[in-house]
Amino acid sequence: MTDENLIITIRVIRSFHHRNLKNLVIKNVNKNIYIKDLKQIINQEIKKSSLPPPFKTFTYDTLKIEHVPFKAKSNDPVINCEDDETLILQDDQILANTIVVNETEISYFSMSDYLEYKSNRNVEIG
């Protein structure tokens, strides 16, 4: 791995209310790519991974930084619901121009599901 490449963990969130999420480690991610290109790479990795079929067919549209190494973590076990303005990655950003560093955890989810979860954080069990 060079200084231009990162290892990132993608927290693929299928359902916020059911806490249905899986981690996917992606290696050798060039930090000079656009976020929209990173999403394409993640989608390809999801399709060829061993994740269950519901994860492979779901439509994801948003990346949000969940945890940067050596920083505090959120108390919410599903996703950090704070600082959306700074932590949600925009398609026209370059990865190197964000706070993403090696071994950062990034959540990948549907924005409409996220907004619903933020308005009502009840978790369904069963």
C-alpha atoms as a PDB file:
ATOM      1  CA  MET A   1       0.000   0.000   0.000  1.00  0.00           C
ATOM      2  CA  THR A   2       1.335   3.422  -0.935  1.00  0.00           C
ATOM      3  CA  ASP A   3       0.646   6.813   0.609  1.00  0.00           C
ATOM      4  CA  GLU A   4      -1.895   7.403  -2.174  1.00  0.00           C
ATOM      5  CA  ASN A   5      -3.987   4.353  -1.213  1.00  0.00           C
ATOM      6  CA  LEU A   6      -6.204   3.721   1.793  1.00  0.00           C
ATOM      7  CA  ILE A   7      -7.887   0.824   3.532  1.00  0.00           C
ATOM      8  CA  ILE A   8     -11.436   1.791   4.467  1.00  0.00           C
ATOM      9  CA  THR A   9     -14.237  -0.073   6.184  1.00  0.00           C
ATOM     10  CA  ILE A  10     -17.664   0.426   4.673  1.00  0.00           C
ATOM     11  CA  ARG A  11     -20.598  -0.084   7.048  1.00  0.00           C
ATOM     12  CA  VAL A  12     -23.299  -1.183   4.601  1.00  0.00           C
ATOM     13  CA  ILE A  13     -26.604  -0.312   6.323  1.00  0.00           C
ATOM     14  CA  ARG A  14     -29.630  -2.145   4.929  1.00  0.00           C
ATOM     15  CA  SER A  15     -32.062  -1.148   7.701  1.00  0.00           C
ATOM     16  CA  PHE A  16     -31.608   1.398  10.470  1.00  0.00           C
ATOM     17  CA  HIS A  17     -34.635   0.340  12.517  1.00  0.00           C
ATOM     18  CA  HIS A  18     -33.634  -3.338  12.508  1.00  0.00           C
ATOM     19  CA  ARG A  19     -29.904  -2.601  12.946  1.00  0.00           C
ATOM     20  CA  ASN A  20     -29.264  -4.614   9.816  1.00  0.00           C
ATOM     21  CA  LEU A  21     -25.704  -3.754   8.791  1.00  0.00           C
ATOM     22  CA  LYS A  22     -22.559  -5.488   7.598  1.00  0.00           C
ATOM     23  CA  ASN A  23     -18.952  -4.363   7.299  1.00  0.00           C
ATOM     24  CA  LEU A  24     -17.039  -4.522   4.052  1.00  0.00           C
ATOM     25  CA  VAL A  25     -13.289  -3.811   3.995  1.00  0.00           C
ATOM     26  CA  ILE A  26     -11.991  -2.251   0.799  1.00  0.00           C
ATOM     27  CA  LYS A  27      -8.237  -2.116   0.268  1.00  0.00           C
ATOM     28  CA  ASN A  28      -6.081   0.028  -2.001  1.00  0.00           C
ATOM     29  CA  VAL A  29      -8.580   2.859  -2.425  1.00  0.00           C
ATOM     30  CA  ASN A  30      -6.912   5.762  -4.205  1.00  0.00           C
ATOM     31  CA  LYS A  31      -7.466   8.875  -2.127  1.00  0.00           C
ATOM     32  CA  ASN A  32      -7.459  11.080  -5.236  1.00  0.00           C
ATOM     33  CA  ILE A  33     -10.784   9.773  -6.579  1.00  0.00           C
ATOM     34  CA  TYR A  34     -14.150  11.479  -6.513  1.00  0.00           C
ATOM     35  CA  ILE A  35     -16.775  10.269  -4.059  1.00  0.00           C
ATOM     36  CA  LYS A  36     -19.084   9.286  -6.943  1.00  0.00           C
ATOM     37  CA  ASP A  37     -16.314   6.968  -8.218  1.00  0.00           C
ATOM     38  CA  LEU A  38     -15.841   5.552  -4.721  1.00  0.00           C
ATOM     39  CA  LYS A  39     -19.556   4.700  -4.655  1.00  0.00           C
ATOM     40  CA  GLN A  40     -19.160   2.778  -7.918  1.00  0.00           C
ATOM     41  CA  ILE A  41     -16.237   0.822  -6.443  1.00  0.00           C
ATOM     42  CA  ILE A  42     -18.256   0.056  -3.309  1.00  0.00           C
ATOM     43  CA  ASN A  43     -21.256  -1.089  -5.373  1.00  0.00           C
ATOM     44  CA  GLN A  44     -18.997  -3.443  -7.357  1.00  0.00           C
ATOM     45  CA  GLU A  45     -17.476  -4.815  -4.145  1.00  0.00           C
ATOM     46  CA  ILE A  46     -20.934  -5.364  -2.628  1.00  0.00           C
ATOM     47  CA  LYS A  47     -22.076  -7.330  -5.684  1.00  0.00           C
ATOM     48  CA  LYS A  48     -19.070  -9.676  -5.607  1.00  0.00           C
ATOM     49  CA  SER A  49     -18.918 -10.009  -1.802  1.00  0.00           C
ATOM     50  CA  SER A  50     -20.390 -12.745   0.372  1.00  0.00           C
ATOM     51  CA  LEU A  51     -23.016 -10.378   1.778  1.00  0.00           C
ATOM     52  CA  PRO A  52     -26.578 -11.764   1.872  1.00  0.00           C
ATOM     53  CA  PRO A  53     -28.734 -11.063  -1.231  1.00  0.00           C
ATOM     54  CA  PRO A  54     -30.863  -8.324   0.412  1.00  0.00           C
ATOM     55  CA  PHE A  55     -27.682  -6.244   0.800  1.00  0.00           C
ATOM     56  CA  LYS A  56     -26.721  -6.791  -2.834  1.00  0.00           C
ATOM     57  CA  THR A  57     -30.044  -5.670  -4.296  1.00  0.00           C
ATOM     58  CA  PHE A  58     -30.716  -2.666  -2.038  1.00  0.00           C
ATOM     59  CA  THR A  59     -30.181   0.845  -3.425  1.00  0.00           C
ATOM     60  CA  TYR A  60     -27.621   2.888  -1.476  1.00  0.00           C
ATOM     61  CA  ASP A  61     -27.017   6.536  -2.249  1.00  0.00           C
ATOM     62  CA  THR A  62     -25.145   8.235   0.614  1.00  0.00           C
ATOM     63  CA  LEU A  63     -21.742   7.943   2.268  1.00  0.00           C
ATOM     64  CA  LYS A  64     -21.169   9.364   5.731  1.00  0.00           C
ATOM     65  CA  ILE A  65     -18.012   9.231   7.816  1.00  0.00           C
ATOM     66  CA  GLU A  66     -18.774   7.119  10.866  1.00  0.00           C
ATOM     67  CA  HIS A  67     -15.437   6.973  12.637  1.00  0.00           C
ATOM     68  CA  VAL A  68     -11.964   8.353  12.043  1.00  0.00           C
ATOM     69  CA  PRO A  69      -9.144   6.422  13.776  1.00  0.00           C
ATOM     70  CA  PHE A  70      -8.126   7.747  17.188  1.00  0.00           C
ATOM     71  CA  LYS A  71     -11.263   9.897  17.518  1.00  0.00           C
ATOM     72  CA  ALA A  72     -14.337   9.415  19.709  1.00  0.00           C
ATOM     73  CA  LYS A  73     -17.135   7.146  18.492  1.00  0.00           C
ATOM     74  CA  SER A  74     -20.855   7.862  18.517  1.00  0.00           C
ATOM     75  CA  ASN A  75     -23.108   6.355  21.190  1.00  0.00           C
ATOM     76  CA  ASP A  76     -25.620   5.281  18.562  1.00  0.00           C
ATOM     77  CA  PRO A  77     -24.811   1.677  17.525  1.00  0.00           C
ATOM     78  CA  VAL A  78     -26.226   2.138  14.012  1.00  0.00           C
ATOM     79  CA  ILE A  79     -24.958   5.518  12.789  1.00  0.00           C
ATOM     80  CA  ASN A  80     -23.668   8.845  14.027  1.00  0.00           C
ATOM     81  CA  CYS A  81     -26.620  11.223  13.568  1.00  0.00           C
ATOM     82  CA  GLU A  82     -24.607  14.376  14.316  1.00  0.00           C
ATOM     83  CA  ASP A  83     -22.717  16.787  12.028  1.00  0.00           C
ATOM     84  CA  ASP A  84     -24.391  15.783   8.774  1.00  0.00           C
ATOM     85  CA  GLU A  85     -23.084  18.913   7.038  1.00  0.00           C
ATOM     86  CA  THR A  86     -19.447  17.945   7.551  1.00  0.00           C
ATOM     87  CA  LEU A  87     -19.583  14.136   7.677  1.00  0.00           C
ATOM     88  CA  ILE A  88     -21.798  13.330   4.682  1.00  0.00           C
ATOM     89  CA  LEU A  89     -19.575  12.998   1.619  1.00  0.00           C
ATOM     90  CA  GLN A  90     -20.737  14.797  -1.526  1.00  0.00           C
ATOM     91  CA  ASP A  91     -20.338  13.222  -4.985  1.00  0.00           C
ATOM     92  CA  ASP A  92     -18.256  16.138  -6.299  1.00  0.00           C
ATOM     93  CA  GLN A  93     -15.697  15.946  -3.461  1.00  0.00           C
ATOM     94  CA  ILE A  94     -12.294  14.319  -3.836  1.00  0.00           C
ATOM     95  CA  LEU A  95     -11.594  11.774  -1.101  1.00  0.00           C
ATOM     96  CA  ALA A  96      -8.226  13.384  -0.271  1.00  0.00           C
ATOM     97  CA  ASN A  97      -9.985  16.708   0.441  1.00  0.00           C
ATOM     98  CA  THR A  98     -12.128  15.173   3.194  1.00  0.00           C
ATOM     99  CA  ILE A  99     -11.147  14.036   6.693  1.00  0.00           C
ATOM    100  CA  VAL A 100     -10.968  10.402   5.503  1.00  0.00           C
ATOM    101  CA  VAL A 101      -7.669   8.771   6.428  1.00  0.00           C
ATOM    102  CA  ASN A 102      -6.416   5.188   6.433  1.00  0.00           C
ATOM    103  CA  GLU A 103      -8.763   2.803   8.331  1.00  0.00           C
ATOM    104  CA  THR A 104     -11.684   5.247   8.459  1.00  0.00           C
ATOM    105  CA  GLU A 105     -15.153   3.711   8.843  1.00  0.00           C
ATOM    106  CA  ILE A 106     -17.726   5.054   6.380  1.00  0.00           C
ATOM    107  CA  SER A 107     -21.436   4.245   6.457  1.00  0.00           C
ATOM    108  CA  TYR A 108     -23.217   3.566   3.150  1.00  0.00           C
ATOM    109  CA  PHE A 109     -26.994   3.833   3.224  1.00  0.00           C
ATOM    110  CA  SER A 110     -30.205   5.217   1.721  1.00  0.00           C
ATOM    111  CA  MET A 111     -30.702   8.889   2.628  1.00  0.00           C
ATOM    112  CA  SER A 112     -34.506   8.567   2.839  1.00  0.00           C
ATOM    113  CA  ASP A 113     -34.153   5.713   5.374  1.00  0.00           C
ATOM    114  CA  TYR A 114     -31.612   7.750   7.337  1.00  0.00           C
ATOM    115  CA  LEU A 115     -33.897  10.792   7.573  1.00  0.00           C
ATOM    116  CA  GLU A 116     -36.736   8.571   8.770  1.00  0.00           C
ATOM    117  CA  TYR A 117     -34.439   7.002  11.393  1.00  0.00           C
ATOM    118  CA  LYS A 118     -33.274  10.426  12.603  1.00  0.00           C
ATOM    119  CA  SER A 119     -36.860  11.498  13.185  1.00  0.00           C
ATOM    120  CA  ASN A 120     -37.715   8.298  15.097  1.00  0.00           C
ATOM    121  CA  ARG A 121     -34.796   6.297  16.541  1.00  0.00           C
ATOM    122  CA  ASN A 122     -36.852   3.390  17.857  1.00  0.00           C
ATOM    123  CA  VAL A 123     -35.275   0.031  17.057  1.00  0.00           C
ATOM    124  CA  GLU A 124     -37.482  -2.934  16.170  1.00  0.00           C
ATOM    125  CA  ILE A 125     -36.359  -6.261  17.577  1.00  0.00           C
ATOM    126  CA  GLY A 126     -37.557  -9.531  16.187  1.00  0.00           C
END
